Amino acid sequence: MSAHTFWVLVLIAVLVLLASLLSSAEAALSSFSRARAQELAAERRPGARSLLGVLEDAPRVVNTTILLRLIAEISAIVNATVLIVDGLAPGLGGTATRWPAMLLTIGAMVLVSFVAVGVGPRTLGRQHSEMVALASSGILLALTTILGPLPRVLILVGNALTPGEGFREGPFASEAELRELVDLAEASSLIETDESKMLHSVFELSDTIVREVMVPRTDVVSIEQTKTLRQAMSLLLRSGFSRLPVVDEDLDDVVGFAYLKDITKRVFDRQDAQSTERVESVMRSALFVPDTKPVDDLLREMQAARRHIAVVVDEYGGTAGIVTIEDVLEEIVGEITDEYDDEIQIVELPDGSTRVPARFAVDDLDELFGVDIVDEEIDSVVGLMAKHLGKVPIPGSSVVVDGLRFTAESAAGRRNRIETVLIATVEPPAEEDHDEPTD
């Protein structure tokens, strides 16, 4: 082995080692918490101040780290290619002898890049993120200062060549990557499946609009502003709600909200107020939101305004429904039940009928009754009843569809909806015998 070959091998090893260290530092810094860095600085750990400086401008430092890693990795590959090609094909050689050398170089460097630069260092960087971040932050800050705007200029060039809107700080921290991290954490049993679903629900909040989570207009219980406090309290207690929209003429003219606790306090302070005062005297102002508003924006607005309920309006200015903070939270944590909400199961009754949830899928009726009802416009049993009745079902409403009798049971729950439906098979009427008797 010549001295030249030896020093080229040393250079390749140093470049691979440098690329590995940069890859490990990139993995550690990308997942490091700012709160933990502040704790380390309070403990006066060496490198903690530099780490805080890195996290203050994390995209620029990470971009510099990636650039330096690519320079080291590509330089190692180029030197390895030259060394192997010259070793297998001395002098100029021929094309036939260069191709095996190039293929050998590709195979060797792919293996080195994947294991020694990719998987191994990044795993160590994640496992020992604190140690790696503290050790590398000072050096990376200095290198970032030396390189100056070079990484950002390269990002701008890349954005100019890429169709569509680019990333100002580089495409290295996106929602897709965060989702992948959540899936990886679930697969590694670091978080539970329910926690993973909750995190994904948080990501989807910005893609969900108010119309998808609101209580629709048909399920809204309201009260006229001219009603007395006694009438309002009676309606609130019978409906099971603690807040009701107050209307002037109809539901398209909501003027405020009546709170049960406000009415109770007024009646407690003045006994005669229940018959002498109207709802308008105690109602609170209403918050109006468009039905196309993203749910995450709605949650922030309701928090800032300290409101738990809002009126949802459609594009024509009419009332489309109402929405509460609880409706938004259910998009994250799932259905929230209270003392009014019971878990509904399919129950076969002694009289031969079957009790099913009102939201039972029409497509599943075939499994229970052998009746295939095909209707692309509706999905649930209560929707099927509403379509054939021509109105919203109320307790006791009954309709026969394809040999099945659907009967709505009493309403319950937080939204006072029809909770269960009784389904029974209807026997076809017997054919009358019109034959005359024979003598």
Protein backbone atom coordinates (compact mmCIF):
# COMPACT_ATOMS: atom_id res chain seq x y z
CA MET A 1 0.00 0.00 0.00
CA SER A 2 1.44 3.33 -1.04
CA ALA A 3 1.56 6.35 1.25
CA HIS A 4 -0.96 8.11 -0.98
CA THR A 5 -3.45 5.25 -0.66
CA PHE A 6 -2.99 5.17 3.12
CA TRP A 7 -3.67 8.87 3.55
CA VAL A 8 -6.72 8.70 1.27
CA LEU A 9 -8.10 5.87 3.45
CA VAL A 10 -7.45 8.00 6.56
CA LEU A 11 -9.25 10.95 4.92
CA ILE A 12 -12.24 8.75 4.03
CA ALA A 13 -12.43 7.45 7.61
CA VAL A 14 -12.25 10.98 9.04
CA LEU A 15 -14.97 12.21 6.66
CA VAL A 16 -17.26 9.28 7.53
CA LEU A 17 -16.66 9.88 11.24
CA LEU A 18 -17.42 13.59 10.81
CA ALA A 19 -20.60 12.83 8.88
CA SER A 20 -21.64 10.40 11.62
CA LEU A 21 -21.09 12.97 14.36
CA LEU A 22 -23.05 15.60 12.42
CA SER A 23 -25.88 13.11 11.81
CA SER A 24 -26.02 12.30 15.52
CA ALA A 25 -26.03 16.00 16.44
CA GLU A 26 -28.81 16.71 13.93
CA ALA A 27 -31.00 13.94 15.42
CA ALA A 28 -30.34 15.14 18.98
CA LEU A 29 -31.06 18.82 18.29
CA SER A 30 -34.17 18.16 16.18
CA SER A 31 -35.93 16.48 19.10
CA PHE A 32 -34.53 18.46 22.04
CA SER A 33 -36.91 20.37 24.31
CA ARG A 34 -36.38 24.08 24.99
CA ALA A 35 -37.74 23.60 28.53
CA ARG A 36 -35.13 20.92 29.24
CA ALA A 37 -32.39 23.20 27.86
CA GLN A 38 -33.47 25.92 30.29
CA GLU A 39 -33.31 23.43 33.16
CA LEU A 40 -29.76 22.46 32.13
CA ALA A 41 -28.78 26.14 31.99
CA ALA A 42 -30.20 26.64 35.49
CA GLU A 43 -28.06 23.69 36.64
CA ARG A 44 -25.02 25.39 35.00
CA ARG A 45 -24.24 22.35 32.89
CA PRO A 46 -21.31 22.86 30.44
CA GLY A 47 -22.62 23.72 26.98
CA ALA A 48 -26.12 24.58 28.21
CA ARG A 49 -25.88 28.26 27.22
CA SER A 50 -24.74 27.32 23.72
CA LEU A 51 -27.58 24.83 23.52
CA LEU A 52 -30.06 27.59 24.35
CA GLY A 53 -28.50 29.70 21.61
CA VAL A 54 -28.93 26.83 19.15
CA LEU A 55 -32.61 26.33 20.06
CA GLU A 56 -33.26 30.08 19.67
CA ASP A 57 -32.44 29.72 15.97
CA ALA A 58 -32.84 25.96 15.52
CA PRO A 59 -33.73 25.91 11.78
CA ARG A 60 -30.58 27.81 10.77
CA VAL A 61 -28.29 25.63 12.91
CA VAL A 62 -29.94 22.39 11.77
CA ASN A 63 -29.67 23.46 8.14
CA THR A 64 -25.96 24.16 8.64
CA THR A 65 -25.54 20.74 10.25
CA ILE A 66 -27.24 19.02 7.32
CA LEU A 67 -25.10 20.94 4.82
CA LEU A 68 -21.87 20.00 6.57
CA ARG A 69 -22.96 16.36 6.84
CA LEU A 70 -23.68 16.22 3.12
CA ILE A 71 -20.30 17.79 2.32
CA ALA A 72 -18.47 15.24 4.46
CA GLU A 73 -20.51 12.29 3.20
CA ILE A 74 -20.20 13.18 -0.49
CA SER A 75 -16.49 13.92 -0.12
CA ALA A 76 -15.98 10.46 1.41
CA ILE A 77 -17.89 8.82 -1.46
CA VAL A 78 -15.91 10.68 -4.12
CA ASN A 79 -12.55 9.80 -2.54
CA ALA A 80 -13.60 6.15 -2.15
CA THR A 81 -14.66 6.03 -5.79
CA VAL A 82 -11.36 7.44 -7.00
CA LEU A 83 -9.38 5.08 -4.77
CA ILE A 84 -11.23 1.93 -5.78
CA VAL A 85 -11.34 2.77 -9.50
CA ASP A 86 -7.62 3.54 -9.54
CA GLY A 87 -6.91 0.38 -7.60
CA LEU A 88 -8.88 -1.96 -9.88
CA ALA A 89 -8.04 -0.18 -13.12
CA PRO A 90 -4.46 1.11 -13.04
CA GLY A 91 -3.71 3.79 -15.55
CA LEU A 92 -6.49 4.69 -17.90
CA GLY A 93 -7.86 1.17 -18.12
CA GLY A 94 -10.99 0.46 -20.03
CA THR A 95 -14.71 0.83 -19.56
CA ALA A 96 -15.09 -2.86 -18.86
CA THR A 97 -12.81 -2.66 -15.82
CA ARG A 98 -14.23 0.65 -14.52
CA TRP A 99 -17.86 -0.53 -14.26
CA PRO A 100 -17.15 -3.26 -11.66
CA ALA A 101 -15.11 -0.74 -9.68
CA MET A 102 -17.95 1.79 -9.74
CA LEU A 103 -20.53 -0.83 -8.71
CA LEU A 104 -18.28 -1.97 -5.88
CA THR A 105 -17.89 1.62 -4.73
CA ILE A 106 -21.66 2.22 -4.81
CA GLY A 107 -22.37 -0.92 -2.79
CA ALA A 108 -19.68 -0.21 -0.19
CA MET A 109 -20.59 3.45 0.31
CA VAL A 110 -24.35 2.77 0.45
CA LEU A 111 -23.65 0.32 3.26
CA VAL A 112 -21.35 2.78 5.04
CA SER A 113 -23.74 5.71 4.59
CA PHE A 114 -26.77 3.76 5.75
CA VAL A 115 -25.19 2.15 8.81
CA ALA A 116 -22.30 4.40 9.84
CA VAL A 117 -23.90 7.75 8.93
CA GLY A 118 -27.65 7.08 8.96
CA VAL A 119 -29.07 4.49 11.33
CA GLY A 120 -26.36 4.15 13.97
CA PRO A 121 -25.55 7.81 14.71
CA ARG A 122 -29.16 8.96 14.53
CA THR A 123 -30.20 6.25 16.98
CA LEU A 124 -27.43 7.25 19.38
CA GLY A 125 -28.40 10.90 18.96
CA ARG A 126 -31.98 10.17 19.96
CA GLN A 127 -31.02 7.84 22.81
CA HIS A 128 -28.43 10.22 24.29
CA SER A 129 -29.86 13.51 23.04
CA GLU A 130 -28.86 15.47 26.15
CA MET A 131 -25.19 14.48 26.06
CA VAL A 132 -24.87 14.87 22.29
CA ALA A 133 -26.69 18.23 22.22
CA LEU A 134 -24.54 19.70 25.01
CA ALA A 135 -21.31 18.50 23.39
CA SER A 136 -22.09 19.68 19.85
CA SER A 137 -24.04 22.92 20.34
CA GLY A 138 -21.01 25.19 20.81
CA ILE A 139 -19.17 23.89 17.74
CA LEU A 140 -22.30 24.06 15.58
CA LEU A 141 -23.00 27.63 16.66
CA ALA A 142 -19.47 28.63 15.63
CA LEU A 143 -19.75 26.83 12.27
CA THR A 144 -23.13 28.47 11.64
CA THR A 145 -21.59 31.88 12.24
CA ILE A 146 -18.67 31.11 9.92
CA LEU A 147 -20.85 29.87 7.06
CA GLY A 148 -23.18 32.83 7.49
CA PRO A 149 -26.06 32.97 5.01
CA LEU A 150 -24.80 30.12 2.78
CA PRO A 151 -27.34 27.49 3.97
CA ARG A 152 -30.22 29.95 3.64
CA VAL A 153 -29.10 30.94 0.13
CA LEU A 154 -29.07 27.26 -0.87
CA ILE A 155 -32.59 26.83 0.53
CA LEU A 156 -33.79 29.82 -1.49
CA VAL A 157 -32.23 28.31 -4.62
CA GLY A 158 -33.96 25.00 -3.89
CA ASN A 159 -37.30 26.73 -3.37
CA ALA A 160 -36.87 28.59 -6.65
CA LEU A 161 -36.31 25.32 -8.51
CA THR A 162 -39.13 23.48 -6.73
CA PRO A 163 -42.70 23.88 -8.06
CA GLY A 164 -45.17 25.34 -5.60
CA GLU A 165 -44.60 27.23 -2.37
CA GLY A 166 -41.32 26.42 -0.67
CA PHE A 167 -40.20 26.39 2.95
CA ARG A 168 -38.47 29.53 4.18
CA GLU A 169 -36.44 27.63 6.79
CA GLY A 170 -36.02 24.43 4.81
CA PRO A 171 -38.28 21.35 4.63
CA PHE A 172 -36.83 19.70 7.73
CA ALA A 173 -39.61 20.04 10.31
CA SER A 174 -43.12 19.40 9.04
CA GLU A 175 -46.39 18.04 10.35
CA ALA A 176 -45.81 14.83 8.38
CA GLU A 177 -42.55 14.23 10.25
CA LEU A 178 -44.27 14.84 13.58
CA ARG A 179 -47.01 12.38 12.66
CA GLU A 180 -44.35 9.80 11.76
CA LEU A 181 -42.68 10.35 15.13
CA VAL A 182 -46.01 9.72 16.88
CA ASP A 183 -46.52 6.50 14.90
CA LEU A 184 -42.96 5.43 15.68
CA ALA A 185 -43.47 6.13 19.39
CA GLU A 186 -46.64 4.03 19.35
CA ALA A 187 -44.92 1.17 17.51
CA SER A 188 -42.09 1.29 20.06
CA SER A 189 -44.63 1.19 22.94
CA LEU A 190 -43.42 4.57 24.22
CA ILE A 191 -47.01 5.85 24.14
CA GLU A 192 -50.35 4.05 24.24
CA THR A 193 -52.64 3.64 21.24
CA ASP A 194 -55.22 6.00 22.78
CA GLU A 195 -52.52 8.65 23.29
CA SER A 196 -51.43 8.27 19.67
CA LYS A 197 -55.01 8.73 18.45
CA MET A 198 -55.38 11.82 20.63
CA LEU A 199 -52.22 13.39 19.20
CA HIS A 200 -53.35 12.69 15.64
CA SER A 201 -56.71 14.29 16.50
CA VAL A 202 -54.87 17.44 17.57
CA PHE A 203 -53.14 17.57 14.16
CA GLU A 204 -56.51 17.18 12.43
CA LEU A 205 -58.18 20.05 14.30
CA SER A 206 -56.97 22.57 11.73
CA ASP A 207 -58.55 20.46 8.96
CA THR A 208 -61.91 20.20 10.75
CA ILE A 209 -64.51 22.96 10.40
CA VAL A 210 -67.24 23.97 12.83
CA ARG A 211 -69.99 22.51 10.64
CA GLU A 212 -68.61 19.02 11.29
CA VAL A 213 -68.78 19.23 15.10
CA MET A 214 -71.76 21.50 15.79
CA VAL A 215 -75.18 20.52 17.13
CA PRO A 216 -77.37 20.90 14.01
CA ARG A 217 -80.27 23.34 13.94
CA THR A 218 -82.84 20.52 14.04
CA ASP A 219 -81.54 19.39 17.46
CA VAL A 220 -81.36 22.87 19.03
CA VAL A 221 -83.80 23.69 21.84
CA SER A 222 -84.42 27.43 22.17
CA ILE A 223 -86.61 29.80 24.17
CA GLU A 224 -88.26 33.13 23.29
CA GLN A 225 -86.95 36.20 25.06
CA THR A 226 -90.47 37.12 26.20
CA LYS A 227 -90.88 33.98 28.30
CA THR A 228 -90.79 34.33 32.09
CA LEU A 229 -87.97 33.04 34.23
CA ARG A 230 -90.25 30.32 35.57
CA GLN A 231 -90.97 29.08 32.04
CA ALA A 232 -87.28 29.21 31.18
CA MET A 233 -86.29 27.24 34.26
CA SER A 234 -88.98 24.67 33.52
CA LEU A 235 -87.69 24.22 29.94
CA LEU A 236 -84.07 23.99 31.11
CA LEU A 237 -84.92 21.33 33.70
CA ARG A 238 -87.07 19.32 31.30
CA SER A 239 -84.52 19.44 28.47
CA GLY A 240 -81.52 18.67 30.68
CA PHE A 241 -79.51 21.58 29.29
CA SER A 242 -77.74 24.24 31.33
CA ARG A 243 -77.70 26.83 28.52
CA LEU A 244 -80.29 27.68 25.88
CA PRO A 245 -80.21 30.10 22.94
CA VAL A 246 -82.69 32.96 23.37
CA VAL A 247 -84.52 33.97 20.18
CA ASP A 248 -86.67 36.89 19.16
CA GLU A 249 -88.98 35.57 16.44
CA ASP A 250 -87.35 32.33 15.35
CA LEU A 251 -84.04 30.45 15.54
CA ASP A 252 -82.53 32.63 12.81
CA ASP A 253 -82.77 35.58 15.21
CA VAL A 254 -80.72 34.52 18.24
CA VAL A 255 -80.29 37.43 20.66
CA GLY A 256 -78.40 35.75 23.48
CA PHE A 257 -78.08 32.73 25.78
CA ALA A 258 -79.98 31.90 28.97
CA TYR A 259 -77.91 30.19 31.68
CA LEU A 260 -79.60 28.00 34.28
CA LYS A 261 -77.29 29.25 37.04
CA ASP A 262 -78.12 32.91 36.23
CA ILE A 263 -81.86 32.25 36.37
CA THR A 264 -81.53 30.22 39.57
CA LYS A 265 -79.54 32.98 41.25
CA ARG A 266 -82.06 35.65 40.21
CA VAL A 267 -85.00 33.58 41.47
CA PHE A 268 -83.15 32.80 44.71
CA ASP A 269 -82.43 36.47 45.33
CA ARG A 270 -85.98 37.59 44.39
CA GLN A 271 -88.73 34.99 44.66
CA ASP A 272 -91.22 37.06 42.66
CA ALA A 273 -88.78 37.42 39.73
CA GLN A 274 -89.77 34.01 38.35
CA SER A 275 -93.15 35.38 37.28
CA THR A 276 -92.41 39.09 36.83
CA GLU A 277 -89.13 39.07 34.90
CA ARG A 278 -88.50 37.86 31.39
CA VAL A 279 -85.62 35.84 30.01
CA GLU A 280 -84.16 38.87 28.26
CA SER A 281 -83.37 40.41 31.67
CA VAL A 282 -80.82 37.73 32.55
CA MET A 283 -79.60 36.51 29.16
CA ARG A 284 -75.97 36.87 28.14
CA SER A 285 -74.72 38.08 24.76
CA ALA A 286 -74.20 35.51 22.03
CA LEU A 287 -70.98 34.68 20.19
CA PHE A 288 -71.49 34.09 16.46
CA VAL A 289 -69.08 32.02 14.34
CA PRO A 290 -69.23 30.96 10.67
CA ASP A 291 -69.78 27.28 9.95
CA THR A 292 -66.58 27.16 7.86
CA LYS A 293 -64.30 28.30 10.71
CA PRO A 294 -61.49 25.83 11.57
CA VAL A 295 -62.09 24.14 14.91
CA ASP A 296 -58.66 25.04 16.32
CA ASP A 297 -59.33 28.74 15.64
CA LEU A 298 -62.75 28.40 17.28
CA LEU A 299 -61.21 26.88 20.41
CA ARG A 300 -58.75 29.75 20.75
CA GLU A 301 -61.51 32.33 20.19
CA MET A 302 -63.80 30.75 22.78
CA GLN A 303 -60.95 30.58 25.28
CA ALA A 304 -60.07 34.23 24.72
CA ALA A 305 -63.72 35.33 24.98
CA ARG A 306 -64.35 33.00 27.93
CA ARG A 307 -67.39 31.48 26.19
CA HIS A 308 -68.49 27.87 26.36
CA ILE A 309 -71.15 28.08 23.66
CA ALA A 310 -71.56 29.88 20.34
CA VAL A 311 -74.10 30.23 17.55
CA VAL A 312 -73.04 28.80 14.19
CA VAL A 313 -74.25 30.76 11.16
CA ASP A 314 -74.28 29.63 7.53
CA GLU A 315 -73.33 31.56 4.40
CA TYR A 316 -76.75 33.19 4.25
CA GLY A 317 -76.63 34.47 7.83
CA GLY A 318 -79.12 31.93 9.17
CA THR A 319 -78.55 29.77 12.22
CA ALA A 320 -76.98 26.46 11.24
CA GLY A 321 -76.66 25.17 14.81
CA ILE A 322 -74.75 25.74 18.03
CA VAL A 323 -71.33 24.57 19.16
CA THR A 324 -69.80 24.17 22.61
CA ILE A 325 -66.27 23.72 23.89
CA GLU A 326 -67.26 20.17 24.77
CA ASP A 327 -68.02 19.49 21.09
CA VAL A 328 -64.50 20.63 20.20
CA LEU A 329 -62.85 18.60 22.97
CA GLU A 330 -64.71 15.50 21.79
CA GLU A 331 -62.79 15.79 18.52
CA ILE A 332 -59.59 15.25 20.55
CA VAL A 333 -60.51 12.87 23.36
CA GLY A 334 -63.54 11.15 21.84
CA GLU A 335 -67.17 11.11 22.95
CA ILE A 336 -67.69 12.61 26.41
CA THR A 337 -70.55 11.07 28.37
CA ASP A 338 -72.17 12.30 31.54
CA GLU A 339 -74.90 11.11 33.92
CA TYR A 340 -77.47 11.64 31.17
CA ASP A 341 -75.62 9.54 28.61
CA ASP A 342 -75.94 5.76 28.92
CA GLU A 343 -74.04 3.23 26.89
CA ILE A 344 -76.55 1.90 24.38
CA GLN A 345 -76.36 -1.69 23.20
CA ILE A 346 -78.44 -3.82 20.87
CA VAL A 347 -81.09 -5.61 22.98
CA GLU A 348 -83.68 -8.16 21.88
CA LEU A 349 -86.91 -7.59 23.81
CA PRO A 350 -89.44 -10.28 24.90
CA ASP A 351 -92.08 -9.00 22.45
CA GLY A 352 -89.80 -9.83 19.52
CA SER A 353 -88.68 -6.27 18.78
CA THR A 354 -85.07 -5.11 18.95
CA ARG A 355 -83.77 -1.93 20.60
CA VAL A 356 -80.86 -0.33 18.69
CA PRO A 357 -79.02 2.99 19.02
CA ALA A 358 -80.55 5.79 16.97
CA ARG A 359 -77.24 6.12 15.09
CA PHE A 360 -77.24 2.41 14.18
CA ALA A 361 -76.06 2.02 10.58
CA VAL A 362 -78.76 1.21 8.04
CA ASP A 363 -76.30 -1.05 6.20
CA ASP A 364 -76.15 -3.30 9.29
CA LEU A 365 -79.90 -3.99 9.30
CA ASP A 366 -79.29 -6.82 6.86
CA GLU A 367 -77.34 -8.73 9.52
CA LEU A 368 -80.09 -8.38 12.15
CA PHE A 369 -83.28 -8.69 10.09
CA GLY A 370 -82.19 -9.90 6.67
CA VAL A 371 -83.57 -6.71 5.09
CA ASP A 372 -81.25 -4.83 2.74
CA ILE A 373 -82.26 -1.16 2.67
CA VAL A 374 -80.23 0.72 0.07
CA ASP A 375 -80.32 4.50 0.39
CA GLU A 376 -77.20 6.54 -0.34
CA GLU A 377 -78.73 9.69 1.17
CA ILE A 378 -78.90 8.43 4.76
CA ASP A 379 -76.64 6.42 7.05
CA SER A 380 -78.44 5.94 10.37
CA VAL A 381 -81.75 4.49 11.53
CA VAL A 382 -82.94 7.84 12.87
CA GLY A 383 -82.05 9.43 9.53
CA LEU A 384 -84.11 6.78 7.74
CA MET A 385 -87.08 7.60 9.98
CA ALA A 386 -86.70 11.34 9.39
CA LYS A 387 -86.68 10.84 5.63
CA HIS A 388 -89.84 8.74 5.52
CA LEU A 389 -91.67 10.79 8.14
CA GLY A 390 -90.74 14.06 6.47
CA LYS A 391 -89.79 15.59 9.84
CA VAL A 392 -87.51 15.04 12.80
CA PRO A 393 -88.67 12.00 14.83
CA ILE A 394 -89.99 12.67 18.32
CA PRO A 395 -90.63 10.11 21.06
CA GLY A 396 -93.39 7.77 19.85
CA SER A 397 -92.90 8.47 16.13
CA SER A 398 -93.34 5.33 14.04
CA VAL A 399 -92.84 4.44 10.41
CA VAL A 400 -92.80 1.22 8.36
CA VAL A 401 -90.02 0.75 5.80
CA ASP A 402 -89.45 -2.46 3.79
CA GLY A 403 -91.34 -4.65 6.26
CA LEU A 404 -89.76 -3.18 9.38
CA ARG A 405 -91.53 -0.92 11.86
CA PHE A 406 -89.27 1.76 13.38
CA THR A 407 -90.47 3.41 16.61
CA ALA A 408 -88.53 6.24 18.26
CA GLU A 409 -88.16 5.95 22.02
CA SER A 410 -87.75 8.75 24.54
CA ALA A 411 -85.05 11.37 24.04
CA ALA A 412 -82.14 11.64 26.46
CA GLY A 413 -78.52 12.69 26.71
CA ARG A 414 -76.69 15.98 26.73
CA ARG A 415 -78.18 17.03 23.37
CA ASN A 416 -81.65 15.66 24.09
CA ARG A 417 -81.65 13.57 20.95
CA ILE A 418 -83.55 10.38 20.19
CA GLU A 419 -81.22 7.81 21.71
CA THR A 420 -82.85 4.47 20.85
CA VAL A 421 -85.22 3.05 18.25
CA LEU A 422 -87.36 -0.07 18.47
CA ILE A 423 -87.38 -2.20 15.32
CA ALA A 424 -89.94 -4.94 14.75
CA THR A 425 -90.83 -7.09 11.78
CA VAL A 426 -94.24 -6.32 10.28
CA GLU A 427 -96.15 -9.30 9.03
CA PRO A 428 -97.57 -8.81 5.54
CA PRO A 429 -101.38 -8.59 5.50
CA ALA A 430 -103.10 -11.89 4.79
CA GLU A 431 -104.77 -12.16 1.40
CA GLU A 432 -108.56 -12.36 1.60
CA ASP A 433 -110.28 -15.40 0.07
CA HIS A 434 -112.87 -14.18 -2.42
CA ASP A 435 -113.88 -17.62 -3.67
CA GLU A 436 -117.60 -18.34 -3.25
CA PRO A 437 -118.46 -21.35 -1.09
CA THR A 438 -119.55 -24.42 -2.95
CA ASP A 439 -122.66 -26.32 -2.13
